[in-house]
Amino acid sequence: MDIRQRFADYLVELPFELLDEERDPGGVLDRYYEPDFQYLNDGVLLDRQRLVDHVKPTRKNTVSCEIDVHEVLVDGHRAAARFTLHAVLRKGRRLSTQVHLFADYGQDGRIRQVHGITRDVTAPS
């Protein structure tokens, strides 16, 4: 599978796979990321275990999500995207987060490094 298709799958499918309580979060992450990947998000370095630990409260608090992909660029083993993640929480609150993401892929087609920048773009209620 080429990097363009893997990146598209990552952007659109990963959030839904992680929210699926029937799936092991570690197994889901292992499909998309190399074992020693680094994910730098808003200046915070996340490794595999920190992302796995993040899944349980996210599953507990999130009812649904939707991804709007605005732009995608792929060049060799590098990919970039701008997208908005919309989430509905259990208590009815709606969140929208704009994400600018830059990924570097390894030889096996999994991500080895991510740099992400996010901002809250939730409409005022």
C-alpha atoms as a PDB file:
ATOM      1  CA  MET A   1       0.000   0.000   0.000  1.00  0.00           C
ATOM      2  CA  ASP A   2       1.347   3.414  -0.859  1.00  0.00           C
ATOM      3  CA  ILE A   3       1.899   6.177   1.706  1.00  0.00           C
ATOM      4  CA  ARG A   4      -0.957   8.300   0.319  1.00  0.00           C
ATOM      5  CA  GLN A   5      -3.504   5.540   1.020  1.00  0.00           C
ATOM      6  CA  ARG A   6      -1.986   4.677   4.416  1.00  0.00           C
ATOM      7  CA  PHE A   7      -2.120   8.337   5.446  1.00  0.00           C
ATOM      8  CA  ALA A   8      -5.737   8.671   4.303  1.00  0.00           C
ATOM      9  CA  ASP A   9      -6.623   5.552   6.335  1.00  0.00           C
ATOM     10  CA  TYR A  10      -4.763   6.947   9.337  1.00  0.00           C
ATOM     11  CA  LEU A  11      -6.607  10.272   9.247  1.00  0.00           C
ATOM     12  CA  VAL A  12     -10.088   8.880   8.718  1.00  0.00           C
ATOM     13  CA  GLU A  13     -10.058   5.432  10.364  1.00  0.00           C
ATOM     14  CA  LEU A  14      -7.725   5.664  13.381  1.00  0.00           C
ATOM     15  CA  PRO A  15     -10.039   7.792  15.591  1.00  0.00           C
ATOM     16  CA  PHE A  16     -12.970   5.419  15.022  1.00  0.00           C
ATOM     17  CA  GLU A  17     -10.829   2.335  15.638  1.00  0.00           C
ATOM     18  CA  LEU A  18      -9.562   3.808  18.904  1.00  0.00           C
ATOM     19  CA  LEU A  19     -13.107   4.634  20.059  1.00  0.00           C
ATOM     20  CA  ASP A  20     -14.273   1.059  19.362  1.00  0.00           C
ATOM     21  CA  GLU A  21     -14.330  -0.630  22.782  1.00  0.00           C
ATOM     22  CA  GLU A  22     -14.047  -4.051  21.109  1.00  0.00           C
ATOM     23  CA  ARG A  23     -10.550  -3.234  19.858  1.00  0.00           C
ATOM     24  CA  ASP A  24      -7.319  -3.359  21.813  1.00  0.00           C
ATOM     25  CA  PRO A  25      -5.896   0.186  21.681  1.00  0.00           C
ATOM     26  CA  GLY A  26      -2.315  -1.082  21.591  1.00  0.00           C
ATOM     27  CA  GLY A  27      -3.078  -3.291  18.603  1.00  0.00           C
ATOM     28  CA  VAL A  28      -4.729  -0.408  16.791  1.00  0.00           C
ATOM     29  CA  LEU A  29      -1.734   1.854  17.404  1.00  0.00           C
ATOM     30  CA  ASP A  30       0.664  -0.890  16.296  1.00  0.00           C
ATOM     31  CA  ARG A  31      -1.069  -1.023  12.894  1.00  0.00           C
ATOM     32  CA  TYR A  32      -0.310   2.645  12.250  1.00  0.00           C
ATOM     33  CA  TYR A  33       2.892   3.402  14.206  1.00  0.00           C
ATOM     34  CA  GLU A  34       6.354   1.890  14.479  1.00  0.00           C
ATOM     35  CA  PRO A  35       7.096   0.510  17.997  1.00  0.00           C
ATOM     36  CA  ASP A  36       9.409   3.382  18.991  1.00  0.00           C
ATOM     37  CA  PHE A  37       7.456   6.209  17.334  1.00  0.00           C
ATOM     38  CA  GLN A  38       7.442   9.740  18.699  1.00  0.00           C
ATOM     39  CA  TYR A  39       4.315  11.887  18.644  1.00  0.00           C
ATOM     40  CA  LEU A  40       4.932  15.515  19.548  1.00  0.00           C
ATOM     41  CA  ASN A  41       1.564  17.219  20.009  1.00  0.00           C
ATOM     42  CA  ASP A  42       1.393  20.866  21.055  1.00  0.00           C
ATOM     43  CA  GLY A  43       4.872  20.528  22.538  1.00  0.00           C
ATOM     44  CA  VAL A  44       4.074  17.363  24.531  1.00  0.00           C
ATOM     45  CA  LEU A  45       5.939  14.181  23.587  1.00  0.00           C
ATOM     46  CA  LEU A  46       3.672  11.136  23.553  1.00  0.00           C
ATOM     47  CA  ASP A  47       4.937   7.596  23.257  1.00  0.00           C
ATOM     48  CA  ARG A  48       2.945   4.415  22.690  1.00  0.00           C
ATOM     49  CA  GLN A  49       2.050   3.913  26.360  1.00  0.00           C
ATOM     50  CA  ARG A  50       0.874   7.509  26.833  1.00  0.00           C
ATOM     51  CA  LEU A  51      -1.395   7.173  23.807  1.00  0.00           C
ATOM     52  CA  VAL A  52      -2.756   3.821  25.038  1.00  0.00           C
ATOM     53  CA  ASP A  53      -3.435   5.409  28.442  1.00  0.00           C
ATOM     54  CA  HIS A  54      -5.262   8.280  26.735  1.00  0.00           C
ATOM     55  CA  VAL A  55      -7.707   5.922  24.996  1.00  0.00           C
ATOM     56  CA  LYS A  56      -9.632   4.707  28.088  1.00  0.00           C
ATOM     57  CA  PRO A  57     -10.883   8.145  29.267  1.00  0.00           C
ATOM     58  CA  THR A  58     -11.505   9.168  25.667  1.00  0.00           C
ATOM     59  CA  ARG A  59     -13.697   6.109  25.114  1.00  0.00           C
ATOM     60  CA  LYS A  60     -15.539   6.780  28.359  1.00  0.00           C
ATOM     61  CA  ASN A  61     -16.292  10.417  27.530  1.00  0.00           C
ATOM     62  CA  THR A  62     -16.855  10.399  23.752  1.00  0.00           C
ATOM     63  CA  VAL A  63     -20.151   9.419  22.139  1.00  0.00           C
ATOM     64  CA  SER A  64     -19.188  10.082  18.527  1.00  0.00           C
ATOM     65  CA  CYS A  65     -16.705  11.843  16.309  1.00  0.00           C
ATOM     66  CA  GLU A  66     -16.433  13.090  12.766  1.00  0.00           C
ATOM     67  CA  ILE A  67     -13.369  14.035  10.750  1.00  0.00           C
ATOM     68  CA  ASP A  68     -13.353  16.764   8.092  1.00  0.00           C
ATOM     69  CA  VAL A  69     -10.140  16.530   6.067  1.00  0.00           C
ATOM     70  CA  HIS A  70      -9.352  19.879   4.474  1.00  0.00           C
ATOM     71  CA  GLU A  71      -5.911  19.339   2.923  1.00  0.00           C
ATOM     72  CA  VAL A  72      -3.477  16.465   2.470  1.00  0.00           C
ATOM     73  CA  LEU A  73       0.019  16.545   1.005  1.00  0.00           C
ATOM     74  CA  VAL A  74       2.263  13.515   0.521  1.00  0.00           C
ATOM     75  CA  ASP A  75       5.864  13.665  -0.671  1.00  0.00           C
ATOM     76  CA  GLY A  76       7.907  10.486  -0.517  1.00  0.00           C
ATOM     77  CA  HIS A  77       7.851   9.221   3.074  1.00  0.00           C
ATOM     78  CA  ARG A  78       6.427  12.480   4.466  1.00  0.00           C
ATOM     79  CA  ALA A  79       2.805  13.509   4.764  1.00  0.00           C
ATOM     80  CA  ALA A  80       0.944  16.554   6.057  1.00  0.00           C
ATOM     81  CA  ALA A  81      -2.707  17.269   6.695  1.00  0.00           C
ATOM     82  CA  ARG A  82      -5.052  19.919   7.971  1.00  0.00           C
ATOM     83  CA  PHE A  83      -8.300  18.559   9.358  1.00  0.00           C
ATOM     84  CA  THR A  84     -10.976  19.206  11.959  1.00  0.00           C
ATOM     85  CA  LEU A  85     -12.075  16.631  14.506  1.00  0.00           C
ATOM     86  CA  HIS A  86     -15.623  17.113  15.798  1.00  0.00           C
ATOM     87  CA  ALA A  87     -16.566  15.175  18.933  1.00  0.00           C
ATOM     88  CA  VAL A  88     -19.768  14.804  20.912  1.00  0.00           C
ATOM     89  CA  LEU A  89     -19.191  14.065  24.599  1.00  0.00           C
ATOM     90  CA  ARG A  90     -21.413  11.990  26.901  1.00  0.00           C
ATOM     91  CA  LYS A  91     -22.837  15.066  28.638  1.00  0.00           C
ATOM     92  CA  GLY A  92     -23.823  16.580  25.284  1.00  0.00           C
ATOM     93  CA  ARG A  93     -20.959  19.015  24.866  1.00  0.00           C
ATOM     94  CA  ARG A  94     -19.644  19.365  21.328  1.00  0.00           C
ATOM     95  CA  LEU A  95     -15.959  20.015  20.653  1.00  0.00           C
ATOM     96  CA  SER A  96     -14.209  20.902  17.416  1.00  0.00           C
ATOM     97  CA  THR A  97     -10.445  20.783  17.157  1.00  0.00           C
ATOM     98  CA  GLN A  98      -8.468  21.912  14.149  1.00  0.00           C
ATOM     99  CA  VAL A  99      -5.335  19.824  13.622  1.00  0.00           C
ATOM    100  CA  HIS A 100      -2.214  20.496  11.557  1.00  0.00           C
ATOM    101  CA  LEU A 101      -0.275  17.241  11.387  1.00  0.00           C
ATOM    102  CA  PHE A 102       3.086  16.325   9.867  1.00  0.00           C
ATOM    103  CA  ALA A 103       4.093  12.660   9.678  1.00  0.00           C
ATOM    104  CA  ASP A 104       7.247  10.802   8.709  1.00  0.00           C
ATOM    105  CA  TYR A 105       6.852   7.183   7.577  1.00  0.00           C
ATOM    106  CA  GLY A 106       9.316   4.345   8.063  1.00  0.00           C
ATOM    107  CA  GLN A 107      10.313   1.663   5.563  1.00  0.00           C
ATOM    108  CA  ASP A 108       7.484  -0.662   6.609  1.00  0.00           C
ATOM    109  CA  GLY A 109       4.802   1.964   5.900  1.00  0.00           C
ATOM    110  CA  ARG A 110       4.057   2.815   9.520  1.00  0.00           C
ATOM    111  CA  ILE A 111       4.517   6.236  11.053  1.00  0.00           C
ATOM    112  CA  ARG A 112       7.754   6.805  12.938  1.00  0.00           C
ATOM    113  CA  GLN A 113       7.320  10.462  13.888  1.00  0.00           C
ATOM    114  CA  VAL A 114       4.437  12.935  14.136  1.00  0.00           C
ATOM    115  CA  HIS A 115       4.348  16.636  14.870  1.00  0.00           C
ATOM    116  CA  GLY A 116       0.891  17.998  15.591  1.00  0.00           C
ATOM    117  CA  ILE A 117      -0.472  21.424  16.355  1.00  0.00           C
ATOM    118  CA  THR A 118      -4.067  21.792  17.522  1.00  0.00           C
ATOM    119  CA  ARG A 119      -6.474  24.569  18.351  1.00  0.00           C
ATOM    120  CA  ASP A 120      -9.993  24.620  19.672  1.00  0.00           C
ATOM    121  CA  VAL A 121     -12.440  25.887  17.061  1.00  0.00           C
ATOM    122  CA  THR A 122     -15.621  24.940  18.927  1.00  0.00           C
ATOM    123  CA  ALA A 123     -18.483  27.258  18.030  1.00  0.00           C
ATOM    124  CA  PRO A 124     -19.731  29.300  20.974  1.00  0.00           C
ATOM    125  CA  SER A 125     -22.934  27.922  22.459  1.00  0.00           C
END
